[in-house]
Amino acid sequence: LAGRGYIHLAAPALQQIVGWTGEQ
């Protein structure tokens, strides 16, 4: 974000950062 201003995140990467269960 500091460099190019955006980032594309695949679902596993976002889930790792944010965290959610399948039920949630």
PDB file of all heavy atoms in Angstrom:
ATOM      1  N   LEU A   1       0.819  -1.205   0.000  1.00  0.00           N
ATOM      2  CA  LEU A   1       0.000   0.000   0.000  1.00  0.00           C
ATOM      3  C   LEU A   1       0.855   1.258   0.000  1.00  0.00           C
ATOM      4  O   LEU A   1       0.537   2.238  -0.677  1.00  0.00           O
ATOM      5  CB  LEU A   1      -0.943  -0.003   1.201  1.00  0.00           C
ATOM      6  CG  LEU A   1      -2.029  -1.086   1.200  1.00  0.00           C
ATOM      7  CD1 LEU A   1      -2.836  -1.038   2.495  1.00  0.00           C
ATOM      8  CD2 LEU A   1      -2.950  -0.946  -0.005  1.00  0.00           C
ATOM      9  N   ALA A   2       1.938   1.236   0.761  1.00  0.00           N
ATOM     10  CA  ALA A   2       2.833   2.389   0.786  1.00  0.00           C
ATOM     11  C   ALA A   2       3.528   2.570  -0.560  1.00  0.00           C
ATOM     12  O   ALA A   2       3.789   3.702  -0.990  1.00  0.00           O
ATOM     13  CB  ALA A   2       3.878   2.222   1.890  1.00  0.00           C
ATOM     14  N   GLY A   3       3.807   1.456  -1.248  1.00  0.00           N
ATOM     15  CA  GLY A   3       4.509   1.532  -2.516  1.00  0.00           C
ATOM     16  C   GLY A   3       3.607   1.844  -3.691  1.00  0.00           C
ATOM     17  O   GLY A   3       3.532   2.977  -4.158  1.00  0.00           O
ATOM     18  N   ARG A   4       2.858   0.847  -4.148  1.00  0.00           N
ATOM     19  CA  ARG A   4       2.053   1.055  -5.363  1.00  0.00           C
ATOM     20  C   ARG A   4       0.624   1.508  -5.098  1.00  0.00           C
ATOM     21  O   ARG A   4      -0.106   1.865  -6.028  1.00  0.00           O
ATOM     22  CB  ARG A   4       2.045  -0.215  -6.201  1.00  0.00           C
ATOM     23  CG  ARG A   4       1.377  -1.406  -5.538  1.00  0.00           C
ATOM     24  CD  ARG A   4       1.480  -2.632  -6.425  1.00  0.00           C
ATOM     25  NE  ARG A   4       0.816  -3.777  -5.834  1.00  0.00           N
ATOM     26  CZ  ARG A   4       0.760  -4.976  -6.418  1.00  0.00           C
ATOM     27  NH1 ARG A   4       1.333  -5.160  -7.589  1.00  0.00           N
ATOM     28  NH2 ARG A   4       0.137  -5.975  -5.830  1.00  0.00           N
ATOM     29  N   GLY A   5       0.178   1.450  -3.834  1.00  0.00           N
ATOM     30  CA  GLY A   5      -1.127   1.992  -3.499  1.00  0.00           C
ATOM     31  C   GLY A   5      -2.275   1.006  -3.506  1.00  0.00           C
ATOM     32  O   GLY A   5      -3.400   1.375  -3.190  1.00  0.00           O
ATOM     33  N   TYR A   6      -2.018  -0.269  -3.834  1.00  0.00           N
ATOM     34  CA  TYR A   6      -3.092  -1.266  -3.801  1.00  0.00           C
ATOM     35  C   TYR A   6      -2.494  -2.653  -3.650  1.00  0.00           C
ATOM     36  O   TYR A   6      -1.300  -2.861  -3.889  1.00  0.00           O
ATOM     37  CB  TYR A   6      -3.962  -1.211  -5.062  1.00  0.00           C
ATOM     38  CG  TYR A   6      -3.308  -1.812  -6.289  1.00  0.00           C
ATOM     39  CD1 TYR A   6      -3.559  -3.135  -6.673  1.00  0.00           C
ATOM     40  CD2 TYR A   6      -2.425  -1.073  -7.076  1.00  0.00           C
ATOM     41  CE1 TYR A   6      -2.961  -3.684  -7.796  1.00  0.00           C
ATOM     42  CE2 TYR A   6      -1.832  -1.614  -8.204  1.00  0.00           C
ATOM     43  CZ  TYR A   6      -2.106  -2.929  -8.554  1.00  0.00           C
ATOM     44  OH  TYR A   6      -1.502  -3.479  -9.662  1.00  0.00           O
ATOM     45  N   ILE A   7      -3.335  -3.600  -3.241  1.00  0.00           N
ATOM     46  CA  ILE A   7      -2.912  -4.988  -3.177  1.00  0.00           C
ATOM     47  C   ILE A   7      -4.112  -5.886  -3.434  1.00  0.00           C
ATOM     48  O   ILE A   7      -5.217  -5.632  -2.949  1.00  0.00           O
ATOM     49  CB  ILE A   7      -2.255  -5.319  -1.814  1.00  0.00           C
ATOM     50  CG1 ILE A   7      -1.702  -6.747  -1.823  1.00  0.00           C
ATOM     51  CG2 ILE A   7      -3.222  -5.102  -0.653  1.00  0.00           C
ATOM     52  CD1 ILE A   7      -0.816  -7.061  -0.619  1.00  0.00           C
ATOM     53  N   HIS A   8      -3.905  -6.914  -4.239  1.00  0.00           N
ATOM     54  CA  HIS A   8      -4.912  -7.935  -4.536  1.00  0.00           C
ATOM     55  C   HIS A   8      -4.647  -9.104  -3.608  1.00  0.00           C
ATOM     56  O   HIS A   8      -3.546  -9.659  -3.595  1.00  0.00           O
ATOM     57  CB  HIS A   8      -4.780  -8.347  -6.011  1.00  0.00           C
ATOM     58  CG  HIS A   8      -5.584  -9.549  -6.395  1.00  0.00           C
ATOM     59  ND1 HIS A   8      -5.255 -10.333  -7.476  1.00  0.00           N
ATOM     60  CD2 HIS A   8      -6.699 -10.092  -5.856  1.00  0.00           C
ATOM     61  CE1 HIS A   8      -6.125 -11.313  -7.595  1.00  0.00           C
ATOM     62  NE2 HIS A   8      -7.015 -11.187  -6.620  1.00  0.00           N
ATOM     63  N   LEU A   9      -5.644  -9.484  -2.811  1.00  0.00           N
ATOM     64  CA  LEU A   9      -5.492 -10.542  -1.825  1.00  0.00           C
ATOM     65  C   LEU A   9      -6.393 -11.716  -2.172  1.00  0.00           C
ATOM     66  O   LEU A   9      -7.608 -11.549  -2.352  1.00  0.00           O
ATOM     67  CB  LEU A   9      -5.861 -10.030  -0.434  1.00  0.00           C
ATOM     68  CG  LEU A   9      -4.999  -8.907   0.140  1.00  0.00           C
ATOM     69  CD1 LEU A   9      -5.668  -8.320   1.379  1.00  0.00           C
ATOM     70  CD2 LEU A   9      -3.610  -9.422   0.469  1.00  0.00           C
ATOM     71  N   ALA A  10      -5.814 -12.910  -2.278  1.00  0.00           N
ATOM     72  CA  ALA A  10      -6.625 -14.115  -2.415  1.00  0.00           C
ATOM     73  C   ALA A  10      -7.297 -14.424  -1.084  1.00  0.00           C
ATOM     74  O   ALA A  10      -6.824 -14.017  -0.013  1.00  0.00           O
ATOM     75  CB  ALA A  10      -5.763 -15.289  -2.862  1.00  0.00           C
ATOM     76  N   ALA A  11      -8.395 -15.156  -1.143  1.00  0.00           N
ATOM     77  CA  ALA A  11      -9.194 -15.422   0.056  1.00  0.00           C
ATOM     78  C   ALA A  11      -8.377 -16.007   1.215  1.00  0.00           C
ATOM     79  O   ALA A  11      -8.551 -15.565   2.362  1.00  0.00           O
ATOM     80  CB  ALA A  11     -10.363 -16.325  -0.294  1.00  0.00           C
ATOM     81  N   PRO A  12      -7.494 -16.970   0.980  1.00  0.00           N
ATOM     82  CA  PRO A  12      -6.740 -17.500   2.132  1.00  0.00           C
ATOM     83  C   PRO A  12      -5.894 -16.436   2.818  1.00  0.00           C
ATOM     84  O   PRO A  12      -5.755 -16.450   4.052  1.00  0.00           O
ATOM     85  CB  PRO A  12      -5.867 -18.594   1.506  1.00  0.00           C
ATOM     86  CG  PRO A  12      -6.605 -19.005   0.270  1.00  0.00           C
ATOM     87  CD  PRO A  12      -7.216 -17.736  -0.245  1.00  0.00           C
ATOM     88  N   ALA A  13      -5.336 -15.513   2.034  1.00  0.00           N
ATOM     89  CA  ALA A  13      -4.511 -14.455   2.626  1.00  0.00           C
ATOM     90  C   ALA A  13      -5.362 -13.509   3.459  1.00  0.00           C
ATOM     91  O   ALA A  13      -4.984 -13.131   4.573  1.00  0.00           O
ATOM     92  CB  ALA A  13      -3.773 -13.696   1.531  1.00  0.00           C
ATOM     93  N   LEU A  14      -6.517 -13.120   2.935  1.00  0.00           N
ATOM     94  CA  LEU A  14      -7.384 -12.223   3.698  1.00  0.00           C
ATOM     95  C   LEU A  14      -7.911 -12.913   4.946  1.00  0.00           C
ATOM     96  O   LEU A  14      -7.969 -12.318   6.023  1.00  0.00           O
ATOM     97  CB  LEU A  14      -8.546 -11.741   2.832  1.00  0.00           C
ATOM     98  CG  LEU A  14      -9.481 -10.757   3.536  1.00  0.00           C
ATOM     99  CD1 LEU A  14      -8.772  -9.438   3.814  1.00  0.00           C
ATOM    100  CD2 LEU A  14     -10.740 -10.512   2.715  1.00  0.00           C
ATOM    101  N   GLN A  15      -8.290 -14.183   4.806  1.00  0.00           N
ATOM    102  CA  GLN A  15      -8.794 -14.909   5.968  1.00  0.00           C
ATOM    103  C   GLN A  15      -7.719 -15.024   7.041  1.00  0.00           C
ATOM    104  O   GLN A  15      -8.007 -14.955   8.241  1.00  0.00           O
ATOM    105  CB  GLN A  15      -9.284 -16.296   5.566  1.00  0.00           C
ATOM    106  CG  GLN A  15      -9.947 -17.053   6.707  1.00  0.00           C
ATOM    107  CD  GLN A  15     -10.535 -18.377   6.262  1.00  0.00           C
ATOM    108  OE1 GLN A  15     -10.372 -18.790   5.116  1.00  0.00           O
ATOM    109  NE2 GLN A  15     -11.221 -19.048   7.156  1.00  0.00           N
ATOM    110  N   GLN A  16      -6.470 -15.179   6.608  1.00  0.00           N
ATOM    111  CA  GLN A  16      -5.371 -15.236   7.571  1.00  0.00           C
ATOM    112  C   GLN A  16      -5.248 -13.929   8.346  1.00  0.00           C
ATOM    113  O   GLN A  16      -5.013 -13.937   9.555  1.00  0.00           O
ATOM    114  CB  GLN A  16      -4.064 -15.520   6.827  1.00  0.00           C
ATOM    115  CG  GLN A  16      -2.827 -15.493   7.709  1.00  0.00           C
ATOM    116  CD  GLN A  16      -1.547 -15.366   6.913  1.00  0.00           C
ATOM    117  OE1 GLN A  16      -1.578 -15.307   5.686  1.00  0.00           O
ATOM    118  NE2 GLN A  16      -0.428 -15.325   7.597  1.00  0.00           N
ATOM    119  N   ILE A  17      -5.423 -12.795   7.653  1.00  0.00           N
ATOM    120  CA  ILE A  17      -5.284 -11.489   8.292  1.00  0.00           C
ATOM    121  C   ILE A  17      -6.504 -11.155   9.148  1.00  0.00           C
ATOM    122  O   ILE A  17      -6.382 -10.719  10.302  1.00  0.00           O
ATOM    123  CB  ILE A  17      -5.066 -10.395   7.240  1.00  0.00           C
ATOM    124  CG1 ILE A  17      -3.756 -10.633   6.469  1.00  0.00           C
ATOM    125  CG2 ILE A  17      -5.074  -9.005   7.876  1.00  0.00           C
ATOM    126  CD1 ILE A  17      -2.509 -10.583   7.314  1.00  0.00           C
ATOM    127  N   VAL A  18      -7.686 -11.336   8.591  1.00  0.00           N
ATOM    128  CA  VAL A  18      -8.924 -10.944   9.281  1.00  0.00           C
ATOM    129  C   VAL A  18      -9.406 -12.040  10.220  1.00  0.00           C
ATOM    130  O   VAL A  18      -9.756 -11.784  11.376  1.00  0.00           O
ATOM    131  CB  VAL A  18     -10.013 -10.577   8.262  1.00  0.00           C
ATOM    132  CG1 VAL A  18     -11.344 -10.318   8.960  1.00  0.00           C
ATOM    133  CG2 VAL A  18      -9.583  -9.359   7.451  1.00  0.00           C
ATOM    134  N   GLY A  19      -9.458 -13.265   9.711  1.00  0.00           N
ATOM    135  CA  GLY A  19      -9.880 -14.395  10.521  1.00  0.00           C
ATOM    136  C   GLY A  19     -11.391 -14.571  10.529  1.00  0.00           C
ATOM    137  O   GLY A  19     -12.126 -13.674  10.917  1.00  0.00           O
ATOM    138  N   TRP A  20     -11.865 -15.714  10.029  1.00  0.00           N
ATOM    139  CA  TRP A  20     -13.276 -16.073  10.150  1.00  0.00           C
ATOM    140  C   TRP A  20     -13.402 -17.578  10.012  1.00  0.00           C
ATOM    141  O   TRP A  20     -12.551 -18.243   9.418  1.00  0.00           O
ATOM    142  CB  TRP A  20     -14.144 -15.362   9.103  1.00  0.00           C
ATOM    143  CG  TRP A  20     -13.837 -15.706   7.668  1.00  0.00           C
ATOM    144  CD1 TRP A  20     -14.107 -16.876   7.003  1.00  0.00           C
ATOM    145  CD2 TRP A  20     -13.200 -14.858   6.709  1.00  0.00           C
ATOM    146  NE1 TRP A  20     -13.690 -16.810   5.701  1.00  0.00           N
ATOM    147  CE2 TRP A  20     -13.131 -15.585   5.486  1.00  0.00           C
ATOM    148  CE3 TRP A  20     -12.700 -13.559   6.746  1.00  0.00           C
ATOM    149  CZ2 TRP A  20     -12.557 -15.054   4.329  1.00  0.00           C
ATOM    150  CZ3 TRP A  20     -12.142 -13.031   5.595  1.00  0.00           C
ATOM    151  CH2 TRP A  20     -12.078 -13.773   4.406  1.00  0.00           C
ATOM    152  N   THR A  21     -14.457 -18.133  10.563  1.00  0.00           N
ATOM    153  CA  THR A  21     -14.735 -19.552  10.425  1.00  0.00           C
ATOM    154  C   THR A  21     -15.700 -19.768   9.267  1.00  0.00           C
ATOM    155  O   THR A  21     -16.368 -18.834   8.807  1.00  0.00           O
ATOM    156  CB  THR A  21     -15.357 -20.127  11.704  1.00  0.00           C
ATOM    157  OG1 THR A  21     -16.676 -19.556  11.875  1.00  0.00           O
ATOM    158  CG2 THR A  21     -14.506 -19.796  12.931  1.00  0.00           C
ATOM    159  N   GLY A  22     -15.784 -21.002   8.810  1.00  0.00           N
ATOM    160  CA  GLY A  22     -16.718 -21.313   7.739  1.00  0.00           C
ATOM    161  C   GLY A  22     -18.151 -21.029   8.122  1.00  0.00           C
ATOM    162  O   GLY A  22     -18.943 -20.534   7.316  1.00  0.00           O
ATOM    163  N   GLU A  23     -18.501 -21.295   9.364  1.00  0.00           N
ATOM    164  CA  GLU A  23     -19.865 -21.036   9.832  1.00  0.00           C
ATOM    165  C   GLU A  23     -20.148 -19.542   9.861  1.00  0.00           C
ATOM    166  O   GLU A  23     -21.232 -19.089   9.459  1.00  0.00           O
ATOM    167  CB  GLU A  23     -20.063 -21.637  11.212  1.00  0.00           C
ATOM    168  CG  GLU A  23     -21.473 -21.483  11.761  1.00  0.00           C
ATOM    169  CD  GLU A  23     -21.651 -22.141  13.114  1.00  0.00           C
ATOM    170  OE1 GLU A  23     -20.678 -22.752  13.604  1.00  0.00           O
ATOM    171  OE2 GLU A  23     -22.747 -22.027  13.686  1.00  0.00           O
ATOM    172  N   GLN A  24     -19.188 -18.754  10.335  1.00  0.00           N
ATOM    173  CA  GLN A  24     -19.371 -17.301  10.357  1.00  0.00           C
ATOM    174  C   GLN A  24     -19.552 -16.761   8.948  1.00  0.00           C
ATOM    175  O   GLN A  24     -20.420 -15.912   8.706  1.00  0.00           O
ATOM    176  CB  GLN A  24     -18.169 -16.638  11.025  1.00  0.00           C
ATOM    177  CG  GLN A  24     -18.100 -16.822  12.521  1.00  0.00           C
ATOM    178  CD  GLN A  24     -16.788 -16.328  13.103  1.00  0.00           C
ATOM    179  OE1 GLN A  24     -15.779 -16.239  12.406  1.00  0.00           O
ATOM    180  NE2 GLN A  24     -16.783 -16.026  14.393  1.00  0.00           N
TER     181      GLN A  24
END
